[in-house]
Each structure stands twice: as structure tokens, then as C-alpha cells.
């Protein structure tokens, strides 16, 4: 490495240190949000272990708002954690269950 390359690397490192300092609050906030989402999804997974559940059932079991449950179920479905398991007895809501990969 020549002197110019070392100097550029040093400047880049210093710039990254400054950016981390400037955005520390946003990074911490994003990390906290991720932890909260993971906790909610684990709670939803536990609620689905016994039987397939609808969004309103999951909302009642977990004391979360139905829109929040739906948001998490949609994300979990997208990533293959849950799958549809038919309709409830009234035919109003889809039932969701853990996918085989998530169970196993």
C-alpha cells in the first residue's frame, strides 16, 4: 500500500466514525424496533402452536391490535414462517398456522 492509499483509508475510516456518531440515535432506535418485532413474532408463533388461528383470534390471545397482528402475519407469511390453513367456521377469516419449517 502506498502513502496515498493509506491516507485515503484513514480518511474513509474517520468519515465512517463520524457518520456512526451522527446516526447513533437512529441506529439504536432501529435496533429497538427490531427487538420489539422479534418479540411480537415469537408471541404470535407461540399462540399458533396449538391450532391454526385467525387474525382476530391472535389479536385476542396476544392483546395486540388486529391491524398489528395482520401486519406481522403478512411479513411472517412472506418469509415462510406461517401459511394459510383454510378458513374459520364462519368463512370470514383465513386461519394461519406455522409452516413445517418453522415447526421443525
PDB file of N, CA and C in Angstrom:
ATOM      1  N   UNK A   1       0.848  -1.176   0.000  1.00  0.00           N
ATOM      2  CA  UNK A   1       0.000   0.000   0.000  1.00  0.00           C
ATOM      3  C   UNK A   1       0.893   1.237   0.000  1.00  0.00           C
ATOM      4  N   UNK A   2       0.577   2.156  -0.875  1.00  0.00           N
ATOM      5  CA  UNK A   2       1.385   3.374  -0.900  1.00  0.00           C
ATOM      6  C   UNK A   2       0.814   4.405   0.068  1.00  0.00           C
ATOM      7  N   UNK A   3       1.494   5.515   0.201  1.00  0.00           N
ATOM      8  CA  UNK A   3       1.116   6.556   1.163  1.00  0.00           C
ATOM      9  C   UNK A   3      -0.263   7.116   0.854  1.00  0.00           C
ATOM     10  N   UNK A   4      -0.565   7.325  -0.425  1.00  0.00           N
ATOM     11  CA  UNK A   4      -1.865   7.879  -0.825  1.00  0.00           C
ATOM     12  C   UNK A   4      -2.994   6.925  -0.435  1.00  0.00           C
ATOM     13  N   UNK A   5      -2.811   5.639  -0.659  1.00  0.00           N
ATOM     14  CA  UNK A   5      -3.843   4.657  -0.313  1.00  0.00           C
ATOM     15  C   UNK A   5      -4.070   4.617   1.195  1.00  0.00           C
ATOM     16  N   UNK A   6      -2.988   4.678   1.967  1.00  0.00           N
ATOM     17  CA  UNK A   6      -3.113   4.681   3.438  1.00  0.00           C
ATOM     18  C   UNK A   6      -3.842   5.935   3.903  1.00  0.00           C
ATOM     19  N   UNK A   7      -3.537   7.046   3.299  1.00  0.00           N
ATOM     20  CA  UNK A   7      -4.179   8.308   3.665  1.00  0.00           C
ATOM     21  C   UNK A   7      -5.675   8.272   3.322  1.00  0.00           C
ATOM     22  N   UNK A   8      -6.006   7.728   2.158  1.00  0.00           N
ATOM     23  CA  UNK A   8      -7.412   7.606   1.773  1.00  0.00           C
ATOM     24  C   UNK A   8      -8.156   6.668   2.714  1.00  0.00           C
ATOM     25  N   UNK A   9      -7.535   5.567   3.081  1.00  0.00           N
ATOM     26  CA  UNK A   9      -8.152   4.619   4.005  1.00  0.00           C
ATOM     27  C   UNK A   9      -8.384   5.278   5.358  1.00  0.00           C
ATOM     28  N   UNK A  10      -7.415   6.062   5.827  1.00  0.00           N
ATOM     29  CA  UNK A  10      -7.550   6.764   7.108  1.00  0.00           C
ATOM     30  C   UNK A  10      -8.704   7.767   7.051  1.00  0.00           C
ATOM     31  N   UNK A  11      -8.811   8.504   5.951  1.00  0.00           N
ATOM     32  CA  UNK A  11      -9.896   9.477   5.797  1.00  0.00           C
ATOM     33  C   UNK A  11     -11.256   8.783   5.754  1.00  0.00           C
ATOM     34  N   UNK A  12     -11.316   7.667   5.043  1.00  0.00           N
ATOM     35  CA  UNK A  12     -12.565   6.911   4.953  1.00  0.00           C
ATOM     36  C   UNK A  12     -12.975   6.381   6.333  1.00  0.00           C
ATOM     37  N   UNK A  13     -12.014   5.872   7.074  1.00  0.00           N
ATOM     38  CA  UNK A  13     -12.287   5.369   8.416  1.00  0.00           C
ATOM     39  C   UNK A  13     -12.798   6.491   9.309  1.00  0.00           C
ATOM     40  N   UNK A  14     -12.163   7.635   9.264  1.00  0.00           N
ATOM     41  CA  UNK A  14     -12.585   8.779  10.073  1.00  0.00           C
ATOM     42  C   UNK A  14     -13.994   9.222   9.683  1.00  0.00           C
ATOM     43  N   UNK A  15     -14.300   9.224   8.381  1.00  0.00           N
ATOM     44  CA  UNK A  15     -15.620   9.604   7.912  1.00  0.00           C
ATOM     45  C   UNK A  15     -16.679   8.636   8.458  1.00  0.00           C
ATOM     46  N   UNK A  16     -16.375   7.337   8.446  1.00  0.00           N
ATOM     47  CA  UNK A  16     -17.316   6.341   8.963  1.00  0.00           C
ATOM     48  C   UNK A  16     -17.535   6.506  10.463  1.00  0.00           C
ATOM     49  N   UNK A  17     -16.496   6.817  11.194  1.00  0.00           N
ATOM     50  CA  UNK A  17     -16.623   7.053  12.633  1.00  0.00           C
ATOM     51  C   UNK A  17     -17.550   8.241  12.883  1.00  0.00           C
ATOM     52  N   UNK A  18     -17.365   9.297  12.129  1.00  0.00           N
ATOM     53  CA  UNK A  18     -18.216  10.481  12.280  1.00  0.00           C
ATOM     54  C   UNK A  18     -19.673  10.175  11.926  1.00  0.00           C
ATOM     55  N   UNK A  19     -19.892   9.414  10.860  1.00  0.00           N
ATOM     56  CA  UNK A  19     -21.260   9.054  10.473  1.00  0.00           C
ATOM     57  C   UNK A  19     -21.928   8.210  11.561  1.00  0.00           C
ATOM     58  N   UNK A  20     -21.193   7.285  12.138  1.00  0.00           N
ATOM     59  CA  UNK A  20     -21.754   6.468  13.222  1.00  0.00           C
ATOM     60  C   UNK A  20     -22.165   7.336  14.402  1.00  0.00           C
ATOM     61  N   UNK A  21     -21.332   8.331  14.729  1.00  0.00           N
ATOM     62  CA  UNK A  21     -21.656   9.240  15.836  1.00  0.00           C
ATOM     63  C   UNK A  21     -22.923  10.042  15.517  1.00  0.00           C
ATOM     64  N   UNK A  22     -23.022  10.518  14.274  1.00  0.00           N
ATOM     65  CA  UNK A  22     -24.160  11.335  13.875  1.00  0.00           C
ATOM     66  C   UNK A  22     -25.466  10.557  13.882  1.00  0.00           C
ATOM     67  N   UNK A  23     -25.406   9.281  13.533  1.00  0.00           N
ATOM     68  CA  UNK A  23     -26.620   8.483  13.373  1.00  0.00           C
ATOM     69  C   UNK A  23     -26.827   7.469  14.496  1.00  0.00           C
ATOM     70  N   UNK A  24     -26.152   7.661  15.593  1.00  0.00           N
ATOM     71  CA  UNK A  24     -26.222   6.722  16.711  1.00  0.00           C
ATOM     72  C   UNK A  24     -27.657   6.552  17.218  1.00  0.00           C
ATOM     73  N   UNK A  25     -28.384   7.631  17.349  1.00  0.00           N
ATOM     74  CA  UNK A  25     -29.762   7.555  17.859  1.00  0.00           C
ATOM     75  C   UNK A  25     -30.661   6.760  16.912  1.00  0.00           C
ATOM     76  N   UNK A  26     -30.520   6.982  15.605  1.00  0.00           N
ATOM     77  CA  UNK A  26     -31.343   6.264  14.633  1.00  0.00           C
ATOM     78  C   UNK A  26     -31.007   4.776  14.631  1.00  0.00           C
ATOM     79  N   UNK A  27     -29.737   4.447  14.752  1.00  0.00           N
ATOM     80  CA  UNK A  27     -29.327   3.041  14.778  1.00  0.00           C
ATOM     81  C   UNK A  27     -29.901   2.354  16.010  1.00  0.00           C
ATOM     82  N   UNK A  28     -29.798   3.001  17.161  1.00  0.00           N
ATOM     83  CA  UNK A  28     -30.346   2.420  18.388  1.00  0.00           C
ATOM     84  C   UNK A  28     -31.860   2.257  18.297  1.00  0.00           C
ATOM     85  N   UNK A  29     -32.537   3.224  17.713  1.00  0.00           N
ATOM     86  CA  UNK A  29     -33.980   3.157  17.550  1.00  0.00           C
ATOM     87  C   UNK A  29     -34.363   1.990  16.632  1.00  0.00           C
ATOM     88  N   UNK A  30     -33.636   1.812  15.552  1.00  0.00           N
ATOM     89  CA  UNK A  30     -33.913   0.709  14.625  1.00  0.00           C
ATOM     90  C   UNK A  30     -33.659  -0.638  15.300  1.00  0.00           C
ATOM     91  N   UNK A  31     -32.616  -0.732  16.108  1.00  0.00           N
ATOM     92  CA  UNK A  31     -32.328  -1.971  16.824  1.00  0.00           C
ATOM     93  C   UNK A  31     -33.434  -2.298  17.821  1.00  0.00           C
ATOM     94  N   UNK A  32     -33.934  -1.293  18.526  1.00  0.00           N
ATOM     95  CA  UNK A  32     -35.024  -1.499  19.475  1.00  0.00           C
ATOM     96  C   UNK A  32     -36.297  -1.942  18.765  1.00  0.00           C
ATOM     97  N   UNK A  33     -36.587  -1.331  17.614  1.00  0.00           N
ATOM     98  CA  UNK A  33     -37.767  -1.700  16.838  1.00  0.00           C
ATOM     99  C   UNK A  33     -37.665  -3.155  16.375  1.00  0.00           C
ATOM    100  N   UNK A  34     -36.488  -3.565  15.952  1.00  0.00           N
ATOM    101  CA  UNK A  34     -36.278  -4.935  15.514  1.00  0.00           C
ATOM    102  C   UNK A  34     -36.482  -5.921  16.665  1.00  0.00           C
ATOM    103  N   UNK A  35     -35.969  -5.597  17.838  1.00  0.00           N
ATOM    104  CA  UNK A  35     -36.163  -6.450  19.016  1.00  0.00           C
ATOM    105  C   UNK A  35     -37.641  -6.584  19.345  1.00  0.00           C
ATOM    106  N   UNK A  36     -38.360  -5.474  19.281  1.00  0.00           N
ATOM    107  CA  UNK A  36     -39.794  -5.489  19.564  1.00  0.00           C
ATOM    108  C   UNK A  36     -40.539  -6.363  18.553  1.00  0.00           C
ATOM    109  N   UNK A  37     -40.194  -6.236  17.279  1.00  0.00           N
ATOM    110  CA  UNK A  37     -40.838  -7.051  16.241  1.00  0.00           C
ATOM    111  C   UNK A  37     -40.561  -8.535  16.461  1.00  0.00           C
ATOM    112  N   UNK A  38     -39.343  -8.871  16.810  1.00  0.00           N
ATOM    113  CA  UNK A  38     -38.996 -10.269  17.049  1.00  0.00           C
ATOM    114  C   UNK A  38     -39.771 -10.829  18.237  1.00  0.00           C
ATOM    115  N   UNK A  39     -39.928 -10.034  19.274  1.00  0.00           N
ATOM    116  CA  UNK A  39     -40.689 -10.458  20.448  1.00  0.00           C
ATOM    117  C   UNK A  39     -42.150 -10.713  20.082  1.00  0.00           C
ATOM    118  N   UNK A  40     -42.741  -9.806  19.322  1.00  0.00           N
ATOM    119  CA  UNK A  40     -44.137  -9.954  18.902  1.00  0.00           C
ATOM    120  C   UNK A  40     -44.298 -11.199  18.045  1.00  0.00           C
ATOM    121  N   UNK A  41     -43.383 -11.430  17.131  1.00  0.00           N
ATOM    122  CA  UNK A  41     -43.498 -12.596  16.246  1.00  0.00           C
ATOM    123  C   UNK A  41     -43.338 -13.902  17.008  1.00  0.00           C
ATOM    124  N   UNK A  42     -42.478 -13.921  18.009  1.00  0.00           N
ATOM    125  CA  UNK A  42     -42.344 -15.117  18.842  1.00  0.00           C
ATOM    126  C   UNK A  42     -43.641 -15.360  19.625  1.00  0.00           C
ATOM    127  N   UNK A  43     -44.261 -14.295  20.102  1.00  0.00           N
ATOM    128  CA  UNK A  43     -45.525 -14.405  20.816  1.00  0.00           C
ATOM    129  C   UNK A  43     -46.604 -14.967  19.892  1.00  0.00           C
ATOM    130  N   UNK A  44     -46.661 -14.473  18.660  1.00  0.00           N
ATOM    131  CA  UNK A  44     -47.634 -14.977  17.684  1.00  0.00           C
ATOM    132  C   UNK A  44     -47.367 -16.446  17.356  1.00  0.00           C
ATOM    133  N   UNK A  45     -46.117 -16.819  17.244  1.00  0.00           N
ATOM    134  CA  UNK A  45     -45.778 -18.213  16.956  1.00  0.00           C
ATOM    135  C   UNK A  45     -46.233 -19.128  18.091  1.00  0.00           C
ATOM    136  N   UNK A  46     -46.023 -18.692  19.332  1.00  0.00           N
ATOM    137  CA  UNK A  46     -46.483 -19.494  20.475  1.00  0.00           C
ATOM    138  C   UNK A  46     -47.996 -19.639  20.463  1.00  0.00           C
ATOM    139  N   UNK A  47     -48.698 -18.580  20.081  1.00  0.00           N
ATOM    140  CA  UNK A  47     -50.163 -18.614  20.050  1.00  0.00           C
ATOM    141  C   UNK A  47     -50.683 -19.553  18.961  1.00  0.00           C
ATOM    142  N   UNK A  48     -49.884 -19.794  17.929  1.00  0.00           N
ATOM    143  CA  UNK A  48     -50.312 -20.669  16.839  1.00  0.00           C
ATOM    144  C   UNK A  48     -49.867 -22.120  17.031  1.00  0.00           C
ATOM    145  N   UNK A  49     -49.146 -22.424  18.073  1.00  0.00           N
ATOM    146  CA  UNK A  49     -48.626 -23.776  18.241  1.00  0.00           C
ATOM    147  C   UNK A  49     -49.721 -24.816  18.452  1.00  0.00           C
ATOM    148  N   UNK A  50     -50.781 -24.475  19.154  1.00  0.00           N
ATOM    149  CA  UNK A  50     -51.827 -25.449  19.439  1.00  0.00           C
ATOM    150  C   UNK A  50     -52.726 -25.753  18.264  1.00  0.00           C
ATOM    151  N   UNK A  51     -53.052 -24.726  17.498  1.00  0.00           N
ATOM    152  CA  UNK A  51     -54.000 -24.886  16.398  1.00  0.00           C
ATOM    153  C   UNK A  51     -53.897 -23.671  15.476  1.00  0.00           C
ATOM    154  N   UNK A  52     -54.381 -23.803  14.242  1.00  0.00           N
ATOM    155  CA  UNK A  52     -54.424 -22.634  13.352  1.00  0.00           C
ATOM    156  C   UNK A  52     -55.318 -21.554  13.951  1.00  0.00           C
ATOM    157  N   UNK A  53     -54.957 -20.315  13.742  1.00  0.00           N
ATOM    158  CA  UNK A  53     -55.707 -19.189  14.316  1.00  0.00           C
ATOM    159  C   UNK A  53     -55.932 -18.111  13.261  1.00  0.00           C
ATOM    160  N   UNK A  54     -57.018 -17.364  13.452  1.00  0.00           N
ATOM    161  CA  UNK A  54     -57.311 -16.214  12.595  1.00  0.00           C
ATOM    162  C   UNK A  54     -56.669 -14.970  13.207  1.00  0.00           C
ATOM    163  N   UNK A  55     -56.630 -13.908  12.444  1.00  0.00           N
ATOM    164  CA  UNK A  55     -56.073 -12.654  12.950  1.00  0.00           C
ATOM    165  C   UNK A  55     -56.845 -12.161  14.174  1.00  0.00           C
ATOM    166  N   UNK A  56     -58.195 -12.133  14.157  1.00  0.00           N
ATOM    167  CA  UNK A  56     -58.907 -11.702  15.364  1.00  0.00           C
ATOM    168  C   UNK A  56     -58.623 -12.600  16.585  1.00  0.00           C
ATOM    169  N   UNK A  57     -58.495 -13.897  16.353  1.00  0.00           N
ATOM    170  CA  UNK A  57     -58.173 -14.796  17.466  1.00  0.00           C
ATOM    171  C   UNK A  57     -56.784 -14.488  18.023  1.00  0.00           C
ATOM    172  N   UNK A  58     -55.838 -14.293  17.143  1.00  0.00           N
ATOM    173  CA  UNK A  58     -54.479 -13.972  17.588  1.00  0.00           C
ATOM    174  C   UNK A  58     -54.435 -12.631  18.316  1.00  0.00           C
ATOM    175  N   UNK A  59     -55.213 -11.676  17.831  1.00  0.00           N
ATOM    176  CA  UNK A  59     -55.270 -10.369  18.492  1.00  0.00           C
ATOM    177  C   UNK A  59     -55.824 -10.511  19.906  1.00  0.00           C
ATOM    178  N   UNK A  60     -56.853 -11.331  20.068  1.00  0.00           N
ATOM    179  CA  UNK A  60     -57.448 -11.532  21.385  1.00  0.00           C
ATOM    180  C   UNK A  60     -56.485 -12.263  22.328  1.00  0.00           C
ATOM    181  N   UNK A  61     -55.798 -13.258  21.810  1.00  0.00           N
ATOM    182  CA  UNK A  61     -54.867 -14.045  22.629  1.00  0.00           C
ATOM    183  C   UNK A  61     -53.670 -13.211  23.075  1.00  0.00           C
ATOM    184  N   UNK A  62     -53.159 -12.393  22.180  1.00  0.00           N
ATOM    185  CA  UNK A  62     -51.923 -11.648  22.453  1.00  0.00           C
ATOM    186  C   UNK A  62     -52.146 -10.225  22.965  1.00  0.00           C
ATOM    187  N   UNK A  63     -53.391  -9.776  22.989  1.00  0.00           N
ATOM    188  CA  UNK A  63     -53.722  -8.405  23.389  1.00  0.00           C
ATOM    189  C   UNK A  63     -53.053  -7.359  22.495  1.00  0.00           C
ATOM    190  N   UNK A  64     -52.903  -7.700  21.229  1.00  0.00           N
ATOM    191  CA  UNK A  64     -52.384  -6.758  20.242  1.00  0.00           C
ATOM    192  C   UNK A  64     -53.535  -6.292  19.360  1.00  0.00           C
ATOM    193  N   UNK A  65     -53.364  -5.140  18.754  1.00  0.00           N
ATOM    194  CA  UNK A  65     -54.376  -4.653  17.814  1.00  0.00           C
ATOM    195  C   UNK A  65     -54.398  -5.564  16.588  1.00  0.00           C
ATOM    196  N   UNK A  66     -55.579  -5.780  16.033  1.00  0.00           N
ATOM    197  CA  UNK A  66     -55.728  -6.676  14.882  1.00  0.00           C
ATOM    198  C   UNK A  66     -54.890  -6.206  13.691  1.00  0.00           C
ATOM    199  N   UNK A  67     -54.821  -4.892  13.462  1.00  0.00           N
ATOM    200  CA  UNK A  67     -54.033  -4.399  12.335  1.00  0.00           C
ATOM    201  C   UNK A  67     -52.547  -4.719  12.521  1.00  0.00           C
ATOM    202  N   UNK A  68     -52.088  -4.696  13.776  1.00  0.00           N
ATOM    203  CA  UNK A  68     -50.691  -5.014  14.052  1.00  0.00           C
ATOM    204  C   UNK A  68     -50.426  -6.509  13.840  1.00  0.00           C
ATOM    205  N   UNK A  69     -51.362  -7.343  14.289  1.00  0.00           N
ATOM    206  CA  UNK A  69     -51.245  -8.785  14.076  1.00  0.00           C
ATOM    207  C   UNK A  69     -51.216  -9.079  12.577  1.00  0.00           C
ATOM    208  N   UNK A  70     -52.112  -8.460  11.834  1.00  0.00           N
ATOM    209  CA  UNK A  70     -52.176  -8.674  10.389  1.00  0.00           C
ATOM    210  C   UNK A  70     -50.857  -8.289   9.722  1.00  0.00           C
ATOM    211  N   UNK A  71     -50.279  -7.180  10.142  1.00  0.00           N
ATOM    212  CA  UNK A  71     -49.012  -6.730   9.578  1.00  0.00           C
ATOM    213  C   UNK A  71     -47.920  -7.776   9.808  1.00  0.00           C
ATOM    214  N   UNK A  72     -47.839  -8.280  11.024  1.00  0.00           N
ATOM    215  CA  UNK A  72     -46.817  -9.285  11.352  1.00  0.00           C
ATOM    216  C   UNK A  72     -47.089 -10.612  10.637  1.00  0.00           C
ATOM    217  N   UNK A  73     -48.350 -11.009  10.565  1.00  0.00           N
ATOM    218  CA  UNK A  73     -48.703 -12.259   9.868  1.00  0.00           C
ATOM    219  C   UNK A  73     -48.322 -12.150   8.390  1.00  0.00           C
ATOM    220  N   UNK A  74     -48.572 -11.007   7.784  1.00  0.00           N
ATOM    221  CA  UNK A  74     -48.212 -10.814   6.371  1.00  0.00           C
ATOM    222  C   UNK A  74     -46.704 -10.954   6.179  1.00  0.00           C
ATOM    223  N   UNK A  75     -45.929 -10.371   7.073  1.00  0.00           N
ATOM    224  CA  UNK A  75     -44.468 -10.475   6.975  1.00  0.00           C
ATOM    225  C   UNK A  75     -44.018 -11.910   7.217  1.00  0.00           C
ATOM    226  N   UNK A  76     -44.615 -12.563   8.194  1.00  0.00           N
ATOM    227  CA  UNK A  76     -44.248 -13.945   8.500  1.00  0.00           C
ATOM    228  C   UNK A  76     -44.613 -14.876   7.341  1.00  0.00           C
ATOM    229  N   UNK A  77     -45.727 -14.586   6.686  1.00  0.00           N
ATOM    230  CA  UNK A  77     -46.134 -15.385   5.526  1.00  0.00           C
ATOM    231  C   UNK A  77     -45.148 -15.167   4.375  1.00  0.00           C
ATOM    232  N   UNK A  78     -44.763 -13.923   4.167  1.00  0.00           N
ATOM    233  CA  UNK A  78     -43.823 -13.595   3.094  1.00  0.00           C
ATOM    234  C   UNK A  78     -42.521 -14.371   3.246  1.00  0.00           C
ATOM    235  N   UNK A  79     -42.079 -14.553   4.484  1.00  0.00           N
ATOM    236  CA  UNK A  79     -40.798 -15.217   4.731  1.00  0.00           C
ATOM    237  C   UNK A  79     -40.945 -16.692   5.091  1.00  0.00           C
ATOM    238  N   UNK A  80     -42.148 -17.241   4.870  1.00  0.00           N
ATOM    239  CA  UNK A  80     -42.333 -18.678   5.018  1.00  0.00           C
ATOM    240  C   UNK A  80     -42.436 -19.186   6.444  1.00  0.00           C
ATOM    241  N   UNK A  81     -42.729 -18.316   7.387  1.00  0.00           N
ATOM    242  CA  UNK A  81     -42.863 -18.735   8.780  1.00  0.00           C
ATOM    243  C   UNK A  81     -44.261 -19.270   9.041  1.00  0.00           C
ATOM    244  N   UNK A  82     -45.264 -18.645   8.430  1.00  0.00           N
ATOM    245  CA  UNK A  82     -46.644 -19.115   8.562  1.00  0.00           C
ATOM    246  C   UNK A  82     -47.233 -19.357   7.181  1.00  0.00           C
ATOM    247  N   UNK A  83     -48.307 -20.128   7.165  1.00  0.00           N
ATOM    248  CA  UNK A  83     -49.028 -20.377   5.918  1.00  0.00           C
ATOM    249  C   UNK A  83     -50.518 -20.430   6.220  1.00  0.00           C
ATOM    250  N   UNK A  84     -51.310 -20.227   5.182  1.00  0.00           N
ATOM    251  CA  UNK A  84     -52.760 -20.291   5.339  1.00  0.00           C
ATOM    252  C   UNK A  84     -53.170 -21.733   5.584  1.00  0.00           C
ATOM    253  N   UNK A  85     -54.190 -21.891   6.454  1.00  0.00           N
ATOM    254  CA  UNK A  85     -54.662 -23.235   6.807  1.00  0.00           C
ATOM    255  C   UNK A  85     -56.176 -23.313   6.653  1.00  0.00           C
ATOM    256  N   UNK A  86     -56.716 -22.645   5.664  1.00  0.00           N
ATOM    257  CA  UNK A  86     -58.156 -22.670   5.445  1.00  0.00           C
ATOM    258  C   UNK A  86     -58.847 -21.445   6.003  1.00  0.00           C
ATOM    259  N   UNK A  87     -60.175 -21.608   6.218  1.00  0.00           N
ATOM    260  CA  UNK A  87     -60.995 -20.502   6.722  1.00  0.00           C
ATOM    261  C   UNK A  87     -61.581 -20.897   8.070  1.00  0.00           C
ATOM    262  N   UNK A  88     -61.977 -19.871   8.843  1.00  0.00           N
ATOM    263  CA  UNK A  88     -62.631 -20.183  10.114  1.00  0.00           C
ATOM    264  C   UNK A  88     -64.032 -20.731   9.855  1.00  0.00           C
ATOM    265  N   UNK A  89     -64.734 -21.154  10.911  1.00  0.00           N
ATOM    266  CA  UNK A  89     -66.034 -21.810  10.736  1.00  0.00           C
ATOM    267  C   UNK A  89     -67.069 -20.888  10.097  1.00  0.00           C
ATOM    268  N   UNK A  90     -66.979 -19.611  10.317  1.00  0.00           N
ATOM    269  CA  UNK A  90     -67.914 -18.667   9.709  1.00  0.00           C
ATOM    270  C   UNK A  90     -67.542 -18.299   8.288  1.00  0.00           C
ATOM    271  N   UNK A  91     -66.367 -18.696   7.849  1.00  0.00           N
ATOM    272  CA  UNK A  91     -65.915 -18.377   6.496  1.00  0.00           C
ATOM    273  C   UNK A  91     -65.518 -16.927   6.313  1.00  0.00           C
ATOM    274  N   UNK A  92     -65.250 -16.224   7.415  1.00  0.00           N
ATOM    275  CA  UNK A  92     -64.917 -14.808   7.325  1.00  0.00           C
ATOM    276  C   UNK A  92     -63.415 -14.543   7.286  1.00  0.00           C
ATOM    277  N   UNK A  93     -62.646 -15.355   8.007  1.00  0.00           N
ATOM    278  CA  UNK A  93     -61.224 -15.076   8.177  1.00  0.00           C
ATOM    279  C   UNK A  93     -60.374 -16.280   7.793  1.00  0.00           C
ATOM    280  N   UNK A  94     -59.212 -15.972   7.238  1.00  0.00           N
ATOM    281  CA  UNK A  94     -58.245 -17.028   6.987  1.00  0.00           C
ATOM    282  C   UNK A  94     -57.664 -17.483   8.318  1.00  0.00           C
ATOM    283  N   UNK A  95     -57.338 -18.750   8.387  1.00  0.00           N
ATOM    284  CA  UNK A  95     -56.621 -19.292   9.527  1.00  0.00           C
ATOM    285  C   UNK A  95     -55.155 -19.423   9.136  1.00  0.00           C
ATOM    286  N   UNK A  96     -54.286 -19.184  10.077  1.00  0.00           N
ATOM    287  CA  UNK A  96     -52.850 -19.280   9.833  1.00  0.00           C
ATOM    288  C   UNK A  96     -52.236 -20.271  10.807  1.00  0.00           C
ATOM    289  N   UNK A  97     -51.256 -21.007  10.302  1.00  0.00           N
ATOM    290  CA  UNK A  97     -50.526 -21.949  11.143  1.00  0.00           C
ATOM    291  C   UNK A  97     -49.042 -21.814  10.835  1.00  0.00           C
ATOM    292  N   UNK A  98     -48.214 -22.322  11.736  1.00  0.00           N
ATOM    293  CA  UNK A  98     -46.782 -22.317  11.499  1.00  0.00           C
ATOM    294  C   UNK A  98     -46.462 -23.234  10.332  1.00  0.00           C
ATOM    295  N   UNK A  99     -45.539 -22.808   9.509  1.00  0.00           N
ATOM    296  CA  UNK A  99     -45.128 -23.652   8.389  1.00  0.00           C
ATOM    297  C   UNK A  99     -44.320 -24.832   8.918  1.00  0.00           C
ATOM    298  N   UNK A 100     -44.155 -25.829   8.101  1.00  0.00           N
ATOM    299  CA  UNK A 100     -43.405 -27.014   8.511  1.00  0.00           C
ATOM    300  C   UNK A 100     -41.970 -26.655   8.901  1.00  0.00           C
ATOM    301  N   UNK A 101     -41.367 -25.698   8.196  1.00  0.00           N
ATOM    302  CA  UNK A 101     -40.011 -25.277   8.507  1.00  0.00           C
ATOM    303  C   UNK A 101     -39.945 -24.593   9.865  1.00  0.00           C
ATOM    304  N   UNK A 102     -40.975 -23.799  10.195  1.00  0.00           N
ATOM    305  CA  UNK A 102     -40.983 -23.081  11.468  1.00  0.00           C
ATOM    306  C   UNK A 102     -41.232 -24.029  12.647  1.00  0.00           C
ATOM    307  N   UNK A 103     -42.010 -25.090  12.390  1.00  0.00           N
ATOM    308  CA  UNK A 103     -42.288 -26.064  13.453  1.00  0.00           C
ATOM    309  C   UNK A 103     -41.071 -26.903  13.772  1.00  0.00           C
ATOM    310  N   UNK A 104     -40.333 -27.225  12.729  1.00  0.00           N
ATOM    311  CA  UNK A 104     -39.336 -28.237  12.862  1.00  0.00           C
ATOM    312  C   UNK A 104     -37.984 -27.941  13.223  1.00  0.00           C
TER     313      UNK A 104
END
